[in-house]
Protein backbone atom coordinates (compact mmCIF):
# COMPACT_ATOMS: atom_id res chain seq x y z
CA MET A 1 -18.14 -14.03 -133.64
CA ALA A 2 -16.89 -12.81 -130.02
CA ARG A 3 -15.71 -15.88 -127.45
CA LEU A 4 -17.20 -15.41 -124.21
CA ILE A 5 -15.92 -18.12 -121.46
CA LEU A 6 -17.39 -18.31 -118.18
CA PHE A 7 -15.09 -19.78 -115.82
CA ASN A 8 -15.84 -20.91 -111.99
CA LYS A 9 -12.67 -19.26 -110.58
CA PRO A 10 -11.18 -21.13 -107.56
CA PHE A 11 -10.04 -19.64 -104.49
CA ASP A 12 -6.27 -18.88 -104.65
CA VAL A 13 -5.97 -18.16 -108.26
CA LEU A 14 -4.79 -15.42 -109.60
CA SER A 15 -7.52 -13.48 -112.58
CA GLN A 16 -4.97 -13.29 -115.14
CA PHE A 17 -2.47 -15.20 -116.64
CA THR A 18 0.76 -15.19 -115.39
CA ASP A 19 2.48 -14.59 -112.49
CA THR A 20 6.16 -13.43 -113.00
CA LYS A 21 6.21 -10.67 -109.34
CA SER A 22 5.92 -13.44 -107.20
CA PRO A 23 8.98 -15.52 -105.87
CA SER A 24 6.49 -18.47 -105.42
CA PRO A 25 4.67 -20.02 -107.83
CA ARG A 26 1.04 -18.48 -107.13
CA ALA A 27 -1.97 -20.38 -109.58
CA THR A 28 -2.90 -18.20 -112.67
CA LEU A 29 -5.43 -19.07 -115.18
CA SER A 30 -2.92 -20.56 -117.63
CA ASP A 31 -3.79 -23.07 -115.31
CA TYR A 32 -7.29 -23.53 -116.51
CA ILE A 33 -7.79 -22.31 -119.23
CA ASP A 34 -5.82 -23.15 -122.64
CA VAL A 35 -7.70 -21.04 -124.72
CA PRO A 36 -5.34 -18.74 -126.99
CA LYS A 37 -6.76 -14.77 -127.32
CA VAL A 38 -8.97 -14.52 -124.46
CA TYR A 39 -8.61 -12.04 -121.81
CA PRO A 40 -10.12 -11.66 -118.65
CA ALA A 41 -13.40 -9.13 -118.29
CA GLY A 42 -12.49 -7.38 -115.11
CA ARG A 43 -11.05 -8.96 -112.27
CA LEU A 44 -11.87 -11.32 -109.45
CA ASP A 45 -9.50 -11.22 -105.93
CA ARG A 46 -7.22 -14.00 -105.19
CA ASP A 47 -9.21 -14.93 -102.56
CA SER A 48 -12.93 -14.92 -104.09
CA GLU A 49 -14.44 -17.01 -105.76
CA GLY A 50 -16.53 -17.60 -108.99
CA LEU A 51 -17.86 -16.30 -111.85
CA LEU A 52 -14.97 -14.97 -114.40
CA LEU A 53 -15.94 -13.60 -117.68
CA LEU A 54 -13.06 -14.06 -120.65
CA THR A 55 -13.38 -12.71 -124.05
CA ASP A 56 -11.70 -12.30 -127.24
CA ASP A 57 -13.42 -9.07 -128.17
CA GLY A 58 -12.13 -5.64 -126.71
CA ARG A 59 -15.01 -3.89 -127.12
CA LEU A 60 -17.06 -6.42 -125.38
CA GLN A 61 -14.39 -6.92 -122.79
CA ALA A 62 -14.35 -2.76 -122.37
CA ARG A 63 -18.34 -2.77 -121.74
CA ILE A 64 -18.60 -5.54 -119.01
CA SER A 65 -15.83 -4.55 -117.07
CA SER A 66 -16.50 -0.34 -117.41
CA PRO A 67 -17.82 1.39 -114.46
CA LYS A 68 -19.77 3.46 -116.76
CA SER A 69 -21.73 0.50 -118.13
CA ARG A 70 -22.91 -0.43 -114.39
CA THR A 71 -23.38 -3.72 -115.17
CA PRO A 72 -24.58 -5.68 -111.92
CA LYS A 73 -22.40 -7.97 -110.59
CA THR A 74 -24.27 -10.06 -107.55
CA TYR A 75 -22.12 -11.83 -104.76
CA LEU A 76 -22.90 -14.21 -101.67
CA ALA A 77 -21.05 -13.19 -99.44
CA GLN A 78 -20.57 -15.16 -95.54
CA VAL A 79 -20.13 -12.69 -92.86
CA GLU A 80 -18.64 -12.57 -89.61
CA GLY A 81 -21.70 -11.74 -87.38
CA ALA A 82 -25.34 -11.98 -87.48
CA PRO A 83 -26.61 -8.58 -89.38
CA THR A 84 -30.31 -8.08 -89.37
CA ASP A 85 -31.76 -6.79 -92.47
CA ALA A 86 -31.54 -3.44 -90.46
CA ASP A 87 -28.14 -3.71 -90.19
CA LEU A 88 -27.57 -3.63 -94.25
CA ASP A 89 -29.50 -0.29 -94.98
CA PRO A 90 -26.28 1.40 -94.87
CA LEU A 91 -25.56 -0.67 -98.06
CA ARG A 92 -28.41 -0.27 -99.63
CA LYS A 93 -27.99 3.68 -99.31
CA GLY A 94 -24.11 3.71 -100.12
CA VAL A 95 -21.13 3.62 -97.84
CA THR A 96 -18.28 5.65 -97.50
CA LEU A 97 -14.98 4.28 -98.34
CA LYS A 98 -11.93 5.86 -98.75
CA ASP A 99 -12.14 6.12 -101.96
CA GLY A 100 -15.88 7.71 -101.78
CA LEU A 101 -19.15 6.74 -101.39
CA THR A 102 -20.38 3.12 -103.27
CA ARG A 103 -23.06 3.47 -105.16
CA PRO A 104 -26.79 1.79 -103.81
CA ALA A 105 -26.19 -1.85 -103.46
CA GLU A 106 -29.38 -4.21 -103.54
CA VAL A 107 -28.77 -6.57 -100.43
CA HIS A 108 -30.69 -9.52 -98.67
CA LEU A 109 -29.77 -11.85 -95.96
CA ILE A 110 -30.07 -15.54 -97.51
CA ASP A 111 -30.16 -18.97 -96.44
CA PRO A 112 -26.70 -20.59 -97.05
CA PRO A 113 -26.50 -21.98 -100.56
CA ASP A 114 -25.85 -25.12 -101.47
CA LEU A 115 -22.48 -24.42 -102.83
CA TRP A 116 -18.72 -26.22 -103.70
CA GLU A 117 -16.26 -26.84 -100.78
CA ARG A 118 -13.72 -24.59 -100.35
CA ASP A 119 -10.37 -25.27 -100.17
CA PRO A 120 -8.91 -24.31 -97.44
CA PRO A 121 -12.06 -23.90 -95.75
CA VAL A 122 -13.04 -20.98 -94.11
CA ARG A 123 -12.55 -20.79 -90.36
CA TYR A 124 -14.86 -21.65 -88.34
CA ARG A 125 -15.42 -20.27 -84.81
CA LYS A 126 -18.05 -21.72 -81.95
CA SER A 127 -18.31 -17.93 -80.71
CA VAL A 128 -18.95 -15.81 -83.45
CA PRO A 129 -21.91 -16.41 -85.61
CA ASP A 130 -21.96 -15.91 -89.21
CA ARG A 131 -24.78 -15.26 -92.08
CA TRP A 132 -24.96 -15.34 -95.70
CA ILE A 133 -26.19 -12.30 -97.77
CA GLU A 134 -26.64 -11.43 -101.40
CA LEU A 135 -25.56 -8.47 -102.36
CA THR A 136 -25.95 -6.25 -106.32
CA ILE A 137 -23.61 -3.30 -106.93
CA THR A 138 -22.69 -1.62 -110.40
CA GLU A 139 -19.30 -0.73 -110.01
CA GLY A 140 -16.07 -2.78 -109.44
CA ARG A 141 -13.83 -1.11 -107.24
CA ASN A 142 -10.80 -3.03 -105.76
CA ARG A 143 -12.11 -5.35 -103.34
CA GLN A 144 -15.28 -3.39 -102.38
CA VAL A 145 -17.58 -5.91 -101.50
CA ARG A 146 -15.39 -7.03 -98.62
CA ARG A 147 -14.71 -3.28 -97.67
CA MET A 148 -18.40 -2.45 -97.55
CA THR A 149 -18.97 -5.63 -95.70
CA ALA A 150 -16.58 -4.27 -93.22
CA ALA A 151 -17.77 -0.53 -93.24
CA VAL A 152 -20.92 -1.78 -91.44
CA GLY A 153 -19.57 -3.97 -89.24
CA PHE A 154 -19.62 -7.70 -90.98
CA PRO A 155 -16.30 -8.61 -92.18
CA THR A 156 -16.78 -10.81 -95.16
CA LEU A 157 -15.20 -14.51 -94.64
CA ARG A 158 -15.94 -16.21 -97.72
CA LEU A 159 -16.93 -14.28 -101.22
CA VAL A 160 -18.73 -15.66 -104.39
CA ARG A 161 -19.69 -13.55 -107.67
CA TRP A 162 -22.48 -15.80 -108.47
CA ARG A 163 -23.41 -13.43 -111.58
CA VAL A 164 -22.15 -10.76 -113.90
CA GLY A 165 -25.26 -9.36 -116.09
CA ASP A 166 -26.61 -11.98 -117.35
CA TRP A 167 -23.94 -14.45 -117.03
CA SER A 168 -24.30 -17.02 -113.67
CA VAL A 169 -22.31 -19.53 -112.69
CA GLU A 170 -24.47 -21.73 -112.18
CA GLY A 171 -23.78 -25.58 -112.99
CA ILE A 172 -20.35 -24.63 -113.22
CA ALA A 173 -18.01 -26.60 -110.97
CA PRO A 174 -14.82 -24.92 -109.43
CA GLY A 175 -11.78 -24.51 -112.01
CA THR A 176 -13.67 -25.17 -115.37
CA TRP A 177 -15.49 -23.00 -117.93
CA ARG A 178 -17.96 -23.48 -120.88
CA ASP A 179 -18.38 -20.77 -123.68
CA ALA A 180 -21.63 -18.62 -123.02
CA ARG A 181 -24.63 -19.62 -125.07
């Protein structure tokens, strides 16, 4: 039976178990997960937070992370500025990035979500408003959500992956994990 772990990856943690290339130590998955023979199904940038799936099943890992499977990934993004619903339309149609046109995303303006505190906190500037959006994509290019929001003029300040397929980070504290049911 395949094992699937749902991990709430904190900010500033690498999505890998070792970090031999850095001259200074950085936090990795091994600081939080002591389960043998599980590997991340996909990646989550060091400066992003939220759901990271780990499994011991290579086929499941490939199915979750393969762009061909089009597994939906939902993110909560705090963006700089005050976008309107119309400002987000290009994301719904697909935006052109350096590596090509993205698939259309589902995107909605949302109220600030009830999330855990981030350490360190997101910088706050009185003169620059911010808004939260919920964005669902079906691909997983490098830093894609951040590049998409920047392309439409609203850089991402904080990014939390909330859901991958049917799995959610809801109820899992940062730095903790549980087995999928």
